[in-house]
Amino acid sequence: MQRIVLLLLVSFVLFSCGSAKPKITTKKTKNTQAAVSKKAAVSPLVKKIITNAKAYEGVRYKYGGTTKKGMDCSGLIHTAFKEEQIELPRISREMATHGNWIDLKKVQEGDLLFFATKKGSRKVNHVGLVTSARVGQVEFIHSSTSKGVIISNLAEKYWYFAFVQARRVL
C-alpha cells in the first residue's frame, strides 16, 4: 500500500502539468526547521565506506567478483565494508537479514537497499549502498550486469518496482 501511495506521489510530481519555472520561497516555518534539524549527520565511517565503494565505479560486472578486475553487487558491498573491518555476508539475500529494517522515508547514506530483479519473484537477489538521500531522491551505488559499478536513482522505474527493503547495518 505504501509503495502505491509513493508511486502515485512520484508520478504526480514527475508528470503534473505545472509551470516550468520553480517556485522559490524563503519563508521557513517551524516545521521545516525542525525537519531540517532532524537530519542526521553522516559519520566518518559511513563516508569512508561510500568512498571505498565509489573507488570501484566503472569496474565491469563479474559474477562472484570482489576486485577491480570485476565486481558483482554483493561483492562490491562486502568489499567496501570489509575495507573498514566490518564483516557482512557475501551474498545479497544473506545481507538482507543483517541490521535493522528501516522505512524508505528514513533511508540515510550508508544504508543498504535490497531488490528482487528476477521477473515474477520477490526474493532478494541484488543490493546497493545508499550514497545520497534527499526527499524523493535516493541514489545508490551497485554493480549492474550491463554497466558494471554505477550510481543509480531509486526513482528510476526499474529500481523502484524491484525494491524490496532497506536495512541499516551501522
Protein backbone atom coordinates (compact mmCIF):
# COMPACT_ATOMS: atom_id res chain seq x y z
CA MET A 1 0.00 0.00 0.00
CA GLN A 2 2.85 2.40 0.89
CA ARG A 3 4.51 1.65 -2.44
CA ILE A 4 1.34 2.50 -4.35
CA VAL A 5 0.97 5.80 -2.50
CA LEU A 6 4.66 6.62 -3.05
CA LEU A 7 4.38 5.68 -6.74
CA LEU A 8 1.34 7.89 -7.18
CA LEU A 9 3.10 10.76 -5.42
CA VAL A 10 6.25 10.38 -7.55
CA SER A 11 4.14 10.07 -10.72
CA PHE A 12 2.17 13.17 -9.83
CA VAL A 13 5.33 15.20 -9.22
CA LEU A 14 7.04 13.97 -12.39
CA PHE A 15 4.09 14.24 -14.76
CA SER A 16 1.97 17.08 -13.41
CA CYS A 17 1.13 19.96 -15.71
CA GLY A 18 2.55 22.98 -13.96
CA SER A 19 4.79 25.90 -14.55
CA ALA A 20 8.23 25.02 -15.83
CA LYS A 21 9.69 27.66 -13.53
CA PRO A 22 10.37 26.53 -9.97
CA LYS A 23 8.65 28.44 -7.22
CA ILE A 24 11.16 29.91 -4.79
CA THR A 25 10.14 30.72 -1.27
CA THR A 26 12.32 31.96 1.52
CA LYS A 27 9.89 31.72 4.39
CA LYS A 28 10.69 28.88 6.78
CA THR A 29 8.12 27.56 9.17
CA LYS A 30 8.88 25.92 12.49
CA ASN A 31 8.00 22.54 10.97
CA THR A 32 10.51 22.81 8.12
CA GLN A 33 13.22 23.99 10.50
CA ALA A 34 12.53 21.01 12.76
CA ALA A 35 12.65 18.64 9.80
CA VAL A 36 16.00 20.04 8.68
CA SER A 37 17.49 19.75 12.16
CA LYS A 38 16.39 16.10 12.45
CA LYS A 39 18.59 15.03 9.52
CA ALA A 40 21.44 13.01 10.98
CA ALA A 41 25.00 13.93 10.19
CA VAL A 42 26.87 11.32 8.17
CA SER A 43 29.51 9.61 10.28
CA PRO A 44 33.14 9.48 9.10
CA LEU A 45 32.87 5.68 8.94
CA VAL A 46 29.87 5.84 6.59
CA LYS A 47 31.67 8.40 4.42
CA LYS A 48 34.71 6.11 4.22
CA ILE A 49 32.59 3.08 3.23
CA ILE A 50 30.91 5.11 0.48
CA THR A 51 34.31 6.33 -0.70
CA ASN A 52 35.53 2.71 -0.73
CA ALA A 53 32.58 1.68 -2.91
CA LYS A 54 32.98 4.66 -5.25
CA ALA A 55 36.60 3.66 -5.84
CA TYR A 56 35.17 0.75 -7.88
CA GLU A 57 32.93 2.93 -10.05
CA GLY A 58 33.29 1.87 -13.68
CA VAL A 59 34.58 -1.62 -12.84
CA ARG A 60 32.90 -4.23 -15.06
CA TYR A 61 30.41 -6.74 -13.69
CA LYS A 62 31.77 -10.18 -12.87
CA TYR A 63 29.71 -12.81 -11.07
CA GLY A 64 31.45 -13.57 -7.76
CA GLY A 65 33.94 -10.72 -8.30
CA THR A 66 35.42 -8.66 -5.47
CA THR A 67 38.31 -6.82 -7.19
CA LYS A 68 38.95 -4.08 -9.77
CA LYS A 69 39.02 -6.87 -12.37
CA GLY A 70 35.30 -7.38 -11.81
CA MET A 71 32.57 -6.99 -9.18
CA ASP A 72 29.12 -8.29 -8.56
CA CYS A 73 26.63 -6.35 -6.41
CA SER A 74 27.19 -8.15 -3.13
CA GLY A 75 30.94 -8.31 -3.76
CA LEU A 76 31.01 -4.51 -4.01
CA ILE A 77 29.15 -4.03 -0.72
CA HIS A 78 31.05 -6.81 1.07
CA THR A 79 34.40 -5.35 -0.05
CA ALA A 80 33.54 -1.70 0.77
CA PHE A 81 32.60 -2.69 4.33
CA LYS A 82 35.45 -5.19 4.74
CA GLU A 83 37.99 -2.46 3.90
CA GLU A 84 36.81 -0.85 7.17
CA GLN A 85 37.00 -4.15 9.09
CA ILE A 86 33.22 -4.64 9.05
CA GLU A 87 32.18 -8.16 8.08
CA LEU A 88 28.97 -8.65 6.15
CA PRO A 89 27.74 -11.83 4.48
CA ARG A 90 28.96 -12.27 0.92
CA ILE A 91 25.53 -12.94 -0.64
CA SER A 92 22.83 -10.27 -1.01
CA ARG A 93 19.96 -12.42 0.29
CA GLU A 94 22.01 -13.11 3.45
CA MET A 95 22.93 -9.43 3.80
CA ALA A 96 19.19 -8.72 3.76
CA THR A 97 18.87 -10.40 7.16
CA HIS A 98 21.50 -8.23 8.90
CA GLY A 99 21.00 -4.89 10.58
CA ASN A 100 17.65 -3.26 11.17
CA TRP A 101 14.80 -2.86 8.72
CA ILE A 102 14.08 0.81 8.05
CA ASP A 103 11.30 2.66 6.33
CA LEU A 104 12.24 4.00 2.92
CA LYS A 105 11.38 7.53 4.07
CA LYS A 106 14.11 7.29 6.72
CA VAL A 107 16.91 5.99 4.47
CA GLN A 108 20.29 7.64 5.03
CA GLU A 109 23.70 7.46 3.42
CA GLY A 110 25.34 4.13 4.21
CA ASP A 111 22.08 2.16 4.37
CA LEU A 112 21.62 -0.89 2.16
CA LEU A 113 18.82 -1.24 -0.41
CA PHE A 114 17.69 -4.70 -1.47
CA PHE A 115 15.98 -5.62 -4.71
CA ALA A 116 14.29 -8.57 -6.44
CA THR A 117 15.24 -8.27 -10.10
CA LYS A 118 14.03 -11.63 -11.39
CA LYS A 119 10.67 -11.40 -13.13
CA GLY A 120 7.84 -12.80 -11.01
CA SER A 121 9.99 -13.17 -7.88
CA ARG A 122 10.18 -11.13 -4.68
CA LYS A 123 13.31 -12.92 -3.43
CA VAL A 124 16.24 -10.58 -2.79
CA ASN A 125 18.99 -11.04 -5.37
CA HIS A 126 20.52 -7.54 -5.64
CA VAL A 127 21.93 -4.97 -3.21
CA GLY A 128 23.08 -1.36 -3.36
CA LEU A 129 24.63 1.12 -0.93
CA VAL A 130 22.91 4.50 -0.43
CA THR A 131 25.30 7.31 -1.43
CA SER A 132 22.85 10.19 -1.19
CA ALA A 133 19.42 10.52 0.41
CA ARG A 134 17.21 13.57 -0.04
CA VAL A 135 13.44 13.83 -0.15
CA GLY A 136 12.35 11.95 -3.28
CA GLN A 137 15.94 11.31 -4.38
CA VAL A 138 17.78 8.23 -3.13
CA GLU A 139 20.96 7.41 -5.02
CA PHE A 140 22.82 4.16 -4.54
CA ILE A 141 25.96 2.50 -5.85
CA HIS A 142 25.76 -1.08 -7.09
CA SER A 143 27.09 -3.37 -9.77
CA SER A 144 24.72 -3.94 -12.68
CA THR A 145 25.21 -6.82 -15.07
CA SER A 146 25.07 -4.50 -18.09
CA LYS A 147 27.04 -1.45 -16.92
CA GLY A 148 29.22 -2.62 -14.03
CA VAL A 149 29.60 -0.48 -10.92
CA ILE A 150 27.41 2.60 -11.28
CA ILE A 151 25.30 5.01 -9.25
CA SER A 152 21.56 4.79 -9.88
CA ASN A 153 18.50 6.53 -8.54
CA LEU A 154 15.70 4.69 -6.73
CA ALA A 155 13.20 6.89 -8.57
CA GLU A 156 14.10 5.11 -11.82
CA LYS A 157 11.12 2.95 -12.74
CA TYR A 158 13.08 -0.32 -12.89
CA TRP A 159 14.66 0.10 -9.45
CA TYR A 160 11.52 1.50 -7.85
CA PHE A 161 9.47 -1.57 -8.80
CA ALA A 162 12.28 -4.01 -7.94
CA PHE A 163 12.80 -2.51 -4.46
CA VAL A 164 12.12 -4.92 -1.58
CA GLN A 165 13.55 -3.39 1.60
CA ALA A 166 16.10 -1.07 3.20
CA ARG A 167 18.34 -2.01 6.11
CA ARG A 168 20.73 -0.11 8.36
CA VAL A 169 23.80 -2.12 9.36
CA LEU A 170 25.74 0.71 11.06
